[in-house]
């Protein structure tokens, strides 16, 4: 006859099976959503003209921008049409959080029309993954975070602030696809001084600007915006935002950073909330 121990073991097996089923279903639903997102990115892609880097087009750009583009690109090579980036890193999930939480991420980018889809997996507790999706597609920005990919804990989108914030992210991360910063590809540049220049990107109804900071070697070492929307208690609060990049290396015919960090500039000081390292970047190029 079965005893209490047998029933307890059976219950544990059933719980484990249920947990496995929930995980599998959550990942399936999430992966389907990511597939639709990638399809939407591919659908919005348009022919890129000019299709090759032309250093003659750099005349008239601010001096530090010209120097940077000549450093990181090769004249005559094809322009980046898209890239798939795999990252490892860590995040602080709230202003009050004291610890960094590890993550892995996979990001798909198209440069024309600008857009991206970023998928991250964060393990908050052993066996409890939170899946995060951040995107800018067809002029709309969105973010969703869900435990097991099923139970939503954060969801933002459908506002001008969100769209502009995500387009600002695309512009900041152009250091990983630097041909997007060339003349004729949507970005205009304004001179500031020998180490700074302002980049402005217009996509449909959305317009964003960032100040790029160049180091002594001519590489982009940081970006800054006077205001980017920061979600606080369900509201969007314009907050100074900045990022930095380091560890430049050659990938194909481009020089791109391996590492990055972004932060909010608060009255009590700088608050970094994401740090990442690029594990791989696979590019597609204009024909």
C-alpha atoms as a PDB file:
ATOM      1  CA  UNK A   1       0.000   0.000   0.000  1.00  0.00           C
ATOM      2  CA  UNK A   2       1.246   3.461  -0.780  1.00  0.00           C
ATOM      3  CA  UNK A   3       2.364   5.534   2.148  1.00  0.00           C
ATOM      4  CA  UNK A   4       2.640   9.318   2.739  1.00  0.00           C
ATOM      5  CA  UNK A   5       6.147   9.320   1.308  1.00  0.00           C
ATOM      6  CA  UNK A   6       4.972   7.918  -1.997  1.00  0.00           C
ATOM      7  CA  UNK A   7       2.240  10.530  -2.303  1.00  0.00           C
ATOM      8  CA  UNK A   8       4.708  13.298  -1.495  1.00  0.00           C
ATOM      9  CA  UNK A   9       7.120  12.030  -4.153  1.00  0.00           C
ATOM     10  CA  UNK A  10       4.290  11.849  -6.678  1.00  0.00           C
ATOM     11  CA  UNK A  11       3.252  15.402  -5.823  1.00  0.00           C
ATOM     12  CA  UNK A  12       6.806  16.645  -6.347  1.00  0.00           C
ATOM     13  CA  UNK A  13       6.983  14.904  -9.725  1.00  0.00           C
ATOM     14  CA  UNK A  14       3.675  16.494 -10.744  1.00  0.00           C
ATOM     15  CA  UNK A  15       4.861  19.940  -9.633  1.00  0.00           C
ATOM     16  CA  UNK A  16       8.110  19.535 -11.556  1.00  0.00           C
ATOM     17  CA  UNK A  17       6.195  18.448 -14.665  1.00  0.00           C
ATOM     18  CA  UNK A  18       3.853  21.433 -14.364  1.00  0.00           C
ATOM     19  CA  UNK A  19       6.773  23.829 -13.918  1.00  0.00           C
ATOM     20  CA  UNK A  20       8.503  22.355 -16.969  1.00  0.00           C
ATOM     21  CA  UNK A  21       5.312  22.711 -19.009  1.00  0.00           C
ATOM     22  CA  UNK A  22       4.868  26.341 -17.931  1.00  0.00           C
ATOM     23  CA  UNK A  23       8.471  27.151 -18.852  1.00  0.00           C
ATOM     24  CA  UNK A  24       8.140  25.475 -22.236  1.00  0.00           C
ATOM     25  CA  UNK A  25       4.855  27.218 -23.024  1.00  0.00           C
ATOM     26  CA  UNK A  26       6.199  30.596 -21.891  1.00  0.00           C
ATOM     27  CA  UNK A  27       9.281  30.272 -24.079  1.00  0.00           C
ATOM     28  CA  UNK A  28       7.167  29.159 -27.019  1.00  0.00           C
ATOM     29  CA  UNK A  29       4.840  32.159 -26.700  1.00  0.00           C
ATOM     30  CA  UNK A  30       7.769  34.530 -26.241  1.00  0.00           C
ATOM     31  CA  UNK A  31       9.725  33.116 -29.155  1.00  0.00           C
ATOM     32  CA  UNK A  32       6.657  33.444 -31.377  1.00  0.00           C
ATOM     33  CA  UNK A  33       6.356  37.111 -30.407  1.00  0.00           C
ATOM     34  CA  UNK A  34      10.041  37.639 -31.167  1.00  0.00           C
ATOM     35  CA  UNK A  35       9.620  35.946 -34.539  1.00  0.00           C
ATOM     36  CA  UNK A  36       6.798  38.327 -35.418  1.00  0.00           C
ATOM     37  CA  UNK A  37       8.961  41.235 -34.278  1.00  0.00           C
ATOM     38  CA  UNK A  38      11.847  40.135 -36.495  1.00  0.00           C
ATOM     39  CA  UNK A  39       9.423  39.738 -39.423  1.00  0.00           C
ATOM     40  CA  UNK A  40       8.158  43.290 -38.828  1.00  0.00           C
ATOM     41  CA  UNK A  41      11.738  44.599 -38.798  1.00  0.00           C
ATOM     42  CA  UNK A  42      12.504  42.823 -42.062  1.00  0.00           C
ATOM     43  CA  UNK A  43       9.300  44.171 -43.609  1.00  0.00           C
ATOM     44  CA  UNK A  44      10.207  47.777 -42.827  1.00  0.00           C
ATOM     45  CA  UNK A  45      13.686  47.540 -44.374  1.00  0.00           C
ATOM     46  CA  UNK A  46      14.182  49.723 -47.459  1.00  0.00           C
ATOM     47  CA  UNK A  47      16.974  49.900 -50.063  1.00  0.00           C
ATOM     48  CA  UNK A  48      20.006  51.773 -48.732  1.00  0.00           C
ATOM     49  CA  UNK A  49      21.368  54.559 -50.917  1.00  0.00           C
ATOM     50  CA  UNK A  50      24.274  55.198 -51.064  1.00  0.00           C
ATOM     51  CA  UNK A  51      25.175  51.543 -50.599  1.00  0.00           C
ATOM     52  CA  UNK A  52      28.907  52.065 -50.039  1.00  0.00           C
ATOM     53  CA  UNK A  53      31.051  54.185 -47.763  1.00  0.00           C
ATOM     54  CA  UNK A  54      32.284  57.301 -49.578  1.00  0.00           C
ATOM     55  CA  UNK A  55      34.795  59.382 -47.658  1.00  0.00           C
ATOM     56  CA  UNK A  56      34.263  62.249 -50.139  1.00  0.00           C
ATOM     57  CA  UNK A  57      30.823  62.715 -48.546  1.00  0.00           C
ATOM     58  CA  UNK A  58      32.423  63.532 -45.179  1.00  0.00           C
ATOM     59  CA  UNK A  59      33.462  67.029 -46.288  1.00  0.00           C
ATOM     60  CA  UNK A  60      31.565  69.599 -44.285  1.00  0.00           C
ATOM     61  CA  UNK A  61      30.995  67.380 -41.239  1.00  0.00           C
ATOM     62  CA  UNK A  62      32.362  68.568 -37.870  1.00  0.00           C
ATOM     63  CA  UNK A  63      36.066  67.762 -37.564  1.00  0.00           C
ATOM     64  CA  UNK A  64      35.755  65.145 -34.768  1.00  0.00           C
ATOM     65  CA  UNK A  65      33.005  63.341 -36.698  1.00  0.00           C
ATOM     66  CA  UNK A  66      35.118  63.189 -39.859  1.00  0.00           C
ATOM     67  CA  UNK A  67      38.062  61.854 -37.872  1.00  0.00           C
ATOM     68  CA  UNK A  68      35.923  59.221 -36.171  1.00  0.00           C
ATOM     69  CA  UNK A  69      34.301  57.922 -39.356  1.00  0.00           C
ATOM     70  CA  UNK A  70      37.674  57.709 -41.110  1.00  0.00           C
ATOM     71  CA  UNK A  71      39.042  55.742 -38.149  1.00  0.00           C
ATOM     72  CA  UNK A  72      36.274  53.174 -37.835  1.00  0.00           C
ATOM     73  CA  UNK A  73      35.325  52.665 -41.498  1.00  0.00           C
ATOM     74  CA  UNK A  74      37.070  51.795 -44.759  1.00  0.00           C
ATOM     75  CA  UNK A  75      36.368  53.831 -47.870  1.00  0.00           C
ATOM     76  CA  UNK A  76      34.376  51.947 -50.501  1.00  0.00           C
ATOM     77  CA  UNK A  77      33.091  49.056 -48.367  1.00  0.00           C
ATOM     78  CA  UNK A  78      29.351  48.218 -48.294  1.00  0.00           C
ATOM     79  CA  UNK A  79      27.092  49.964 -45.799  1.00  0.00           C
ATOM     80  CA  UNK A  80      25.574  47.948 -42.929  1.00  0.00           C
ATOM     81  CA  UNK A  81      21.964  46.970 -43.615  1.00  0.00           C
ATOM     82  CA  UNK A  82      21.468  44.993 -40.413  1.00  0.00           C
ATOM     83  CA  UNK A  83      23.209  43.213 -37.577  1.00  0.00           C
ATOM     84  CA  UNK A  84      22.430  40.500 -35.039  1.00  0.00           C
ATOM     85  CA  UNK A  85      24.199  41.110 -31.749  1.00  0.00           C
ATOM     86  CA  UNK A  86      24.581  38.678 -28.859  1.00  0.00           C
ATOM     87  CA  UNK A  87      25.407  40.180 -25.468  1.00  0.00           C
ATOM     88  CA  UNK A  88      26.128  39.261 -21.905  1.00  0.00           C
ATOM     89  CA  UNK A  89      25.754  41.833 -19.177  1.00  0.00           C
ATOM     90  CA  UNK A  90      23.947  42.959 -16.077  1.00  0.00           C
ATOM     91  CA  UNK A  91      21.183  45.351 -15.070  1.00  0.00           C
ATOM     92  CA  UNK A  92      19.841  47.176 -12.057  1.00  0.00           C
ATOM     93  CA  UNK A  93      16.111  46.695 -12.361  1.00  0.00           C
ATOM     94  CA  UNK A  94      15.084  49.701 -10.253  1.00  0.00           C
ATOM     95  CA  UNK A  95      16.528  52.850  -8.734  1.00  0.00           C
ATOM     96  CA  UNK A  96      16.318  51.240  -5.297  1.00  0.00           C
ATOM     97  CA  UNK A  97      18.057  48.017  -6.372  1.00  0.00           C
ATOM     98  CA  UNK A  98      21.398  47.496  -4.674  1.00  0.00           C
ATOM     99  CA  UNK A  99      22.610  44.565  -6.758  1.00  0.00           C
ATOM    100  CA  UNK A 100      23.264  43.911 -10.423  1.00  0.00           C
ATOM    101  CA  UNK A 101      21.390  41.037 -12.064  1.00  0.00           C
ATOM    102  CA  UNK A 102      23.074  39.026 -14.833  1.00  0.00           C
ATOM    103  CA  UNK A 103      21.496  38.770 -18.262  1.00  0.00           C
ATOM    104  CA  UNK A 104      22.007  37.364 -21.720  1.00  0.00           C
ATOM    105  CA  UNK A 105      20.558  39.172 -24.731  1.00  0.00           C
ATOM    106  CA  UNK A 106      19.992  38.836 -28.444  1.00  0.00           C
ATOM    107  CA  UNK A 107      19.359  41.930 -30.562  1.00  0.00           C
ATOM    108  CA  UNK A 108      18.300  42.325 -34.184  1.00  0.00           C
ATOM    109  CA  UNK A 109      18.857  45.696 -35.890  1.00  0.00           C
ATOM    110  CA  UNK A 110      17.924  47.113 -39.279  1.00  0.00           C
ATOM    111  CA  UNK A 111      19.482  50.445 -40.198  1.00  0.00           C
ATOM    112  CA  UNK A 112      17.012  51.648 -42.852  1.00  0.00           C
ATOM    113  CA  UNK A 113      14.250  52.293 -41.766  1.00  0.00           C
ATOM    114  CA  UNK A 114      15.826  52.409 -38.281  1.00  0.00           C
ATOM    115  CA  UNK A 115      14.597  49.701 -35.956  1.00  0.00           C
ATOM    116  CA  UNK A 116      15.611  47.022 -33.467  1.00  0.00           C
ATOM    117  CA  UNK A 117      14.286  44.211 -31.322  1.00  0.00           C
ATOM    118  CA  UNK A 118      16.150  43.303 -28.114  1.00  0.00           C
ATOM    119  CA  UNK A 119      15.381  40.129 -26.176  1.00  0.00           C
ATOM    120  CA  UNK A 120      16.987  39.527 -22.781  1.00  0.00           C
ATOM    121  CA  UNK A 121      16.767  36.718 -20.246  1.00  0.00           C
ATOM    122  CA  UNK A 122      17.258  37.684 -16.608  1.00  0.00           C
ATOM    123  CA  UNK A 123      17.203  35.165 -13.769  1.00  0.00           C
ATOM    124  CA  UNK A 124      15.762  36.975 -10.765  1.00  0.00           C
ATOM    125  CA  UNK A 125      15.574  33.833  -8.587  1.00  0.00           C
ATOM    126  CA  UNK A 126      16.847  30.285  -9.188  1.00  0.00           C
ATOM    127  CA  UNK A 127      14.597  28.737 -11.811  1.00  0.00           C
ATOM    128  CA  UNK A 128      12.553  31.937 -12.285  1.00  0.00           C
ATOM    129  CA  UNK A 129      13.525  33.712 -15.516  1.00  0.00           C
ATOM    130  CA  UNK A 130      12.193  37.142 -16.477  1.00  0.00           C
ATOM    131  CA  UNK A 131      12.112  37.714 -20.234  1.00  0.00           C
ATOM    132  CA  UNK A 132      12.428  41.304 -21.459  1.00  0.00           C
ATOM    133  CA  UNK A 133      11.591  42.622 -24.919  1.00  0.00           C
ATOM    134  CA  UNK A 134      12.596  46.170 -25.946  1.00  0.00           C
ATOM    135  CA  UNK A 135      11.908  47.421 -29.473  1.00  0.00           C
ATOM    136  CA  UNK A 136      11.562  50.221 -31.983  1.00  0.00           C
ATOM    137  CA  UNK A 137       9.601  49.161 -35.068  1.00  0.00           C
ATOM    138  CA  UNK A 138       7.883  51.335 -37.693  1.00  0.00           C
ATOM    139  CA  UNK A 139       8.153  54.433 -35.529  1.00  0.00           C
ATOM    140  CA  UNK A 140       6.754  52.817 -32.359  1.00  0.00           C
ATOM    141  CA  UNK A 141       8.627  51.992 -29.167  1.00  0.00           C
ATOM    142  CA  UNK A 142       7.651  49.232 -26.752  1.00  0.00           C
ATOM    143  CA  UNK A 143       8.939  47.357 -23.719  1.00  0.00           C
ATOM    144  CA  UNK A 144       7.558  44.271 -21.998  1.00  0.00           C
ATOM    145  CA  UNK A 145       8.917  42.156 -19.150  1.00  0.00           C
ATOM    146  CA  UNK A 146       7.264  38.898 -18.117  1.00  0.00           C
ATOM    147  CA  UNK A 147       8.068  36.129 -15.628  1.00  0.00           C
ATOM    148  CA  UNK A 148       8.474  32.873 -17.580  1.00  0.00           C
ATOM    149  CA  UNK A 149       7.474  34.959 -20.617  1.00  0.00           C
ATOM    150  CA  UNK A 150       3.843  34.674 -19.462  1.00  0.00           C
ATOM    151  CA  UNK A 151       3.152  36.856 -16.420  1.00  0.00           C
ATOM    152  CA  UNK A 152       3.677  40.532 -17.263  1.00  0.00           C
ATOM    153  CA  UNK A 153       5.505  42.639 -14.679  1.00  0.00           C
ATOM    154  CA  UNK A 154       6.138  45.716 -16.860  1.00  0.00           C
ATOM    155  CA  UNK A 155       4.686  46.940 -20.132  1.00  0.00           C
ATOM    156  CA  UNK A 156       5.185  50.301 -21.840  1.00  0.00           C
ATOM    157  CA  UNK A 157       4.422  51.576 -25.321  1.00  0.00           C
ATOM    158  CA  UNK A 158       2.131  53.585 -27.530  1.00  0.00           C
ATOM    159  CA  UNK A 159       3.417  57.016 -26.483  1.00  0.00           C
ATOM    160  CA  UNK A 160       5.586  59.659 -28.143  1.00  0.00           C
ATOM    161  CA  UNK A 161       8.012  59.570 -25.191  1.00  0.00           C
ATOM    162  CA  UNK A 162       8.459  55.816 -25.573  1.00  0.00           C
ATOM    163  CA  UNK A 163       9.007  56.036 -29.327  1.00  0.00           C
ATOM    164  CA  UNK A 164      11.562  58.809 -28.989  1.00  0.00           C
ATOM    165  CA  UNK A 165      13.340  57.053 -26.141  1.00  0.00           C
ATOM    166  CA  UNK A 166      13.756  53.889 -28.199  1.00  0.00           C
ATOM    167  CA  UNK A 167      14.893  55.826 -31.281  1.00  0.00           C
ATOM    168  CA  UNK A 168      17.427  57.532 -29.024  1.00  0.00           C
ATOM    169  CA  UNK A 169      18.702  54.089 -28.021  1.00  0.00           C
ATOM    170  CA  UNK A 170      19.073  53.170 -31.712  1.00  0.00           C
ATOM    171  CA  UNK A 171      21.127  56.333 -32.298  1.00  0.00           C
ATOM    172  CA  UNK A 172      23.339  55.765 -29.240  1.00  0.00           C
ATOM    173  CA  UNK A 173      24.057  52.180 -30.288  1.00  0.00           C
ATOM    174  CA  UNK A 174      25.023  53.196 -33.821  1.00  0.00           C
ATOM    175  CA  UNK A 175      28.642  52.849 -32.660  1.00  0.00           C
ATOM    176  CA  UNK A 176      27.984  49.111 -33.293  1.00  0.00           C
ATOM    177  CA  UNK A 177      26.797  49.814 -36.866  1.00  0.00           C
ATOM    178  CA  UNK A 178      28.687  53.063 -37.588  1.00  0.00           C
ATOM    179  CA  UNK A 179      27.774  53.389 -41.265  1.00  0.00           C
ATOM    180  CA  UNK A 180      24.374  54.555 -39.941  1.00  0.00           C
ATOM    181  CA  UNK A 181      26.169  57.742 -38.835  1.00  0.00           C
ATOM    182  CA  UNK A 182      27.285  58.627 -42.377  1.00  0.00           C
ATOM    183  CA  UNK A 183      25.791  61.547 -44.325  1.00  0.00           C
ATOM    184  CA  UNK A 184      22.753  60.518 -46.334  1.00  0.00           C
ATOM    185  CA  UNK A 185      21.631  57.858 -43.850  1.00  0.00           C
ATOM    186  CA  UNK A 186      19.280  59.946 -41.726  1.00  0.00           C
ATOM    187  CA  UNK A 187      21.692  61.534 -39.244  1.00  0.00           C
ATOM    188  CA  UNK A 188      22.695  65.194 -39.400  1.00  0.00           C
ATOM    189  CA  UNK A 189      25.631  66.580 -37.421  1.00  0.00           C
ATOM    190  CA  UNK A 190      26.175  69.945 -35.703  1.00  0.00           C
ATOM    191  CA  UNK A 191      29.596  71.110 -34.529  1.00  0.00           C
ATOM    192  CA  UNK A 192      30.141  71.850 -30.829  1.00  0.00           C
ATOM    193  CA  UNK A 193      33.899  71.783 -30.181  1.00  0.00           C
ATOM    194  CA  UNK A 194      36.997  69.670 -30.839  1.00  0.00           C
ATOM    195  CA  UNK A 195      35.707  66.750 -28.743  1.00  0.00           C
ATOM    196  CA  UNK A 196      31.919  66.983 -29.103  1.00  0.00           C
ATOM    197  CA  UNK A 197      29.302  67.050 -31.851  1.00  0.00           C
ATOM    198  CA  UNK A 198      25.524  66.767 -31.860  1.00  0.00           C
ATOM    199  CA  UNK A 199      23.829  64.052 -33.920  1.00  0.00           C
ATOM    200  CA  UNK A 200      20.147  64.440 -34.852  1.00  0.00           C
ATOM    201  CA  UNK A 201      18.083  61.577 -36.263  1.00  0.00           C
ATOM    202  CA  UNK A 202      14.615  61.984 -37.788  1.00  0.00           C
ATOM    203  CA  UNK A 203      12.340  59.007 -38.395  1.00  0.00           C
ATOM    204  CA  UNK A 204       8.817  59.935 -39.420  1.00  0.00           C
ATOM    205  CA  UNK A 205       7.271  61.968 -36.596  1.00  0.00           C
ATOM    206  CA  UNK A 206      10.132  61.200 -34.196  1.00  0.00           C
ATOM    207  CA  UNK A 207      13.184  63.425 -33.828  1.00  0.00           C
ATOM    208  CA  UNK A 208      15.985  62.773 -31.326  1.00  0.00           C
ATOM    209  CA  UNK A 209      19.404  64.288 -30.642  1.00  0.00           C
ATOM    210  CA  UNK A 210      22.475  63.118 -28.763  1.00  0.00           C
ATOM    211  CA  UNK A 211      25.807  64.751 -28.027  1.00  0.00           C
ATOM    212  CA  UNK A 212      28.666  62.415 -28.985  1.00  0.00           C
ATOM    213  CA  UNK A 213      31.942  62.738 -27.072  1.00  0.00           C
ATOM    214  CA  UNK A 214      35.184  61.712 -28.797  1.00  0.00           C
ATOM    215  CA  UNK A 215      38.367  60.641 -27.007  1.00  0.00           C
ATOM    216  CA  UNK A 216      41.953  61.677 -27.691  1.00  0.00           C
ATOM    217  CA  UNK A 217      42.261  58.995 -30.357  1.00  0.00           C
ATOM    218  CA  UNK A 218      39.118  60.129 -32.176  1.00  0.00           C
ATOM    219  CA  UNK A 219      36.828  57.271 -31.101  1.00  0.00           C
ATOM    220  CA  UNK A 220      33.369  57.752 -29.564  1.00  0.00           C
ATOM    221  CA  UNK A 221      33.767  57.326 -25.816  1.00  0.00           C
ATOM    222  CA  UNK A 222      30.358  58.550 -24.735  1.00  0.00           C
ATOM    223  CA  UNK A 223      26.937  59.980 -25.559  1.00  0.00           C
ATOM    224  CA  UNK A 224      24.542  62.217 -23.633  1.00  0.00           C
ATOM    225  CA  UNK A 225      20.987  63.532 -23.854  1.00  0.00           C
ATOM    226  CA  UNK A 226      19.569  66.365 -21.776  1.00  0.00           C
ATOM    227  CA  UNK A 227      16.389  64.323 -21.391  1.00  0.00           C
ATOM    228  CA  UNK A 228      15.136  60.805 -22.082  1.00  0.00           C
ATOM    229  CA  UNK A 229      11.916  59.354 -20.723  1.00  0.00           C
ATOM    230  CA  UNK A 230      12.445  57.347 -17.507  1.00  0.00           C
ATOM    231  CA  UNK A 231       9.592  55.212 -16.214  1.00  0.00           C
ATOM    232  CA  UNK A 232       8.721  55.965 -12.577  1.00  0.00           C
ATOM    233  CA  UNK A 233       5.556  54.539 -11.002  1.00  0.00           C
ATOM    234  CA  UNK A 234       3.876  54.214 -14.370  1.00  0.00           C
ATOM    235  CA  UNK A 235       4.775  57.746 -15.462  1.00  0.00           C
ATOM    236  CA  UNK A 236       7.470  58.944 -17.864  1.00  0.00           C
ATOM    237  CA  UNK A 237       9.829  61.515 -16.368  1.00  0.00           C
ATOM    238  CA  UNK A 238      12.335  63.335 -18.660  1.00  0.00           C
ATOM    239  CA  UNK A 239      15.762  62.667 -17.159  1.00  0.00           C
ATOM    240  CA  UNK A 240      19.344  63.369 -18.337  1.00  0.00           C
ATOM    241  CA  UNK A 241      20.782  60.170 -19.821  1.00  0.00           C
ATOM    242  CA  UNK A 242      24.308  59.157 -20.800  1.00  0.00           C
ATOM    243  CA  UNK A 243      26.383  56.224 -21.988  1.00  0.00           C
ATOM    244  CA  UNK A 244      29.985  55.248 -22.492  1.00  0.00           C
ATOM    245  CA  UNK A 245      31.823  52.759 -24.729  1.00  0.00           C
ATOM    246  CA  UNK A 246      35.229  51.097 -24.599  1.00  0.00           C
ATOM    247  CA  UNK A 247      37.240  48.101 -25.747  1.00  0.00           C
ATOM    248  CA  UNK A 248      37.263  48.896 -29.454  1.00  0.00           C
ATOM    249  CA  UNK A 249      38.148  46.028 -31.790  1.00  0.00           C
ATOM    250  CA  UNK A 250      38.066  45.339 -35.513  1.00  0.00           C
ATOM    251  CA  UNK A 251      35.058  43.399 -36.805  1.00  0.00           C
ATOM    252  CA  UNK A 252      35.260  42.918 -40.547  1.00  0.00           C
ATOM    253  CA  UNK A 253      36.043  46.324 -42.027  1.00  0.00           C
ATOM    254  CA  UNK A 254      34.807  48.294 -38.983  1.00  0.00           C
ATOM    255  CA  UNK A 255      36.153  49.309 -35.603  1.00  0.00           C
ATOM    256  CA  UNK A 256      33.456  48.899 -32.934  1.00  0.00           C
ATOM    257  CA  UNK A 257      33.412  48.816 -29.118  1.00  0.00           C
ATOM    258  CA  UNK A 258      33.106  45.557 -27.225  1.00  0.00           C
ATOM    259  CA  UNK A 259      31.710  47.128 -24.039  1.00  0.00           C
ATOM    260  CA  UNK A 260      29.073  49.690 -23.126  1.00  0.00           C
ATOM    261  CA  UNK A 261      27.229  51.165 -20.163  1.00  0.00           C
ATOM    262  CA  UNK A 262      24.248  53.502 -19.813  1.00  0.00           C
ATOM    263  CA  UNK A 263      23.123  55.568 -16.841  1.00  0.00           C
ATOM    264  CA  UNK A 264      20.657  58.151 -15.591  1.00  0.00           C
ATOM    265  CA  UNK A 265      22.054  61.439 -14.314  1.00  0.00           C
ATOM    266  CA  UNK A 266      20.180  62.032 -11.063  1.00  0.00           C
ATOM    267  CA  UNK A 267      20.494  64.799  -8.505  1.00  0.00           C
ATOM    268  CA  UNK A 268      22.133  62.338  -6.118  1.00  0.00           C
ATOM    269  CA  UNK A 269      24.658  61.296  -8.758  1.00  0.00           C
ATOM    270  CA  UNK A 270      25.166  59.045 -11.737  1.00  0.00           C
ATOM    271  CA  UNK A 271      23.061  55.871 -11.685  1.00  0.00           C
ATOM    272  CA  UNK A 272      24.293  53.199 -14.149  1.00  0.00           C
ATOM    273  CA  UNK A 273      21.626  50.595 -14.866  1.00  0.00           C
ATOM    274  CA  UNK A 274      22.944  48.504 -17.780  1.00  0.00           C
ATOM    275  CA  UNK A 275      26.400  47.178 -18.596  1.00  0.00           C
ATOM    276  CA  UNK A 276      27.067  44.844 -21.455  1.00  0.00           C
ATOM    277  CA  UNK A 277      29.691  43.078 -23.509  1.00  0.00           C
ATOM    278  CA  UNK A 278      29.262  42.100 -27.134  1.00  0.00           C
ATOM    279  CA  UNK A 279      29.902  38.391 -27.617  1.00  0.00           C
ATOM    280  CA  UNK A 280      29.247  38.316 -31.355  1.00  0.00           C
ATOM    281  CA  UNK A 281      27.972  40.571 -34.137  1.00  0.00           C
ATOM    282  CA  UNK A 282      26.855  39.152 -37.490  1.00  0.00           C
ATOM    283  CA  UNK A 283      26.332  41.810 -40.158  1.00  0.00           C
ATOM    284  CA  UNK A 284      24.383  41.999 -43.395  1.00  0.00           C
ATOM    285  CA  UNK A 285      25.307  44.642 -45.949  1.00  0.00           C
ATOM    286  CA  UNK A 286      23.628  46.736 -48.612  1.00  0.00           C
ATOM    287  CA  UNK A 287      23.809  45.252 -52.091  1.00  0.00           C
END
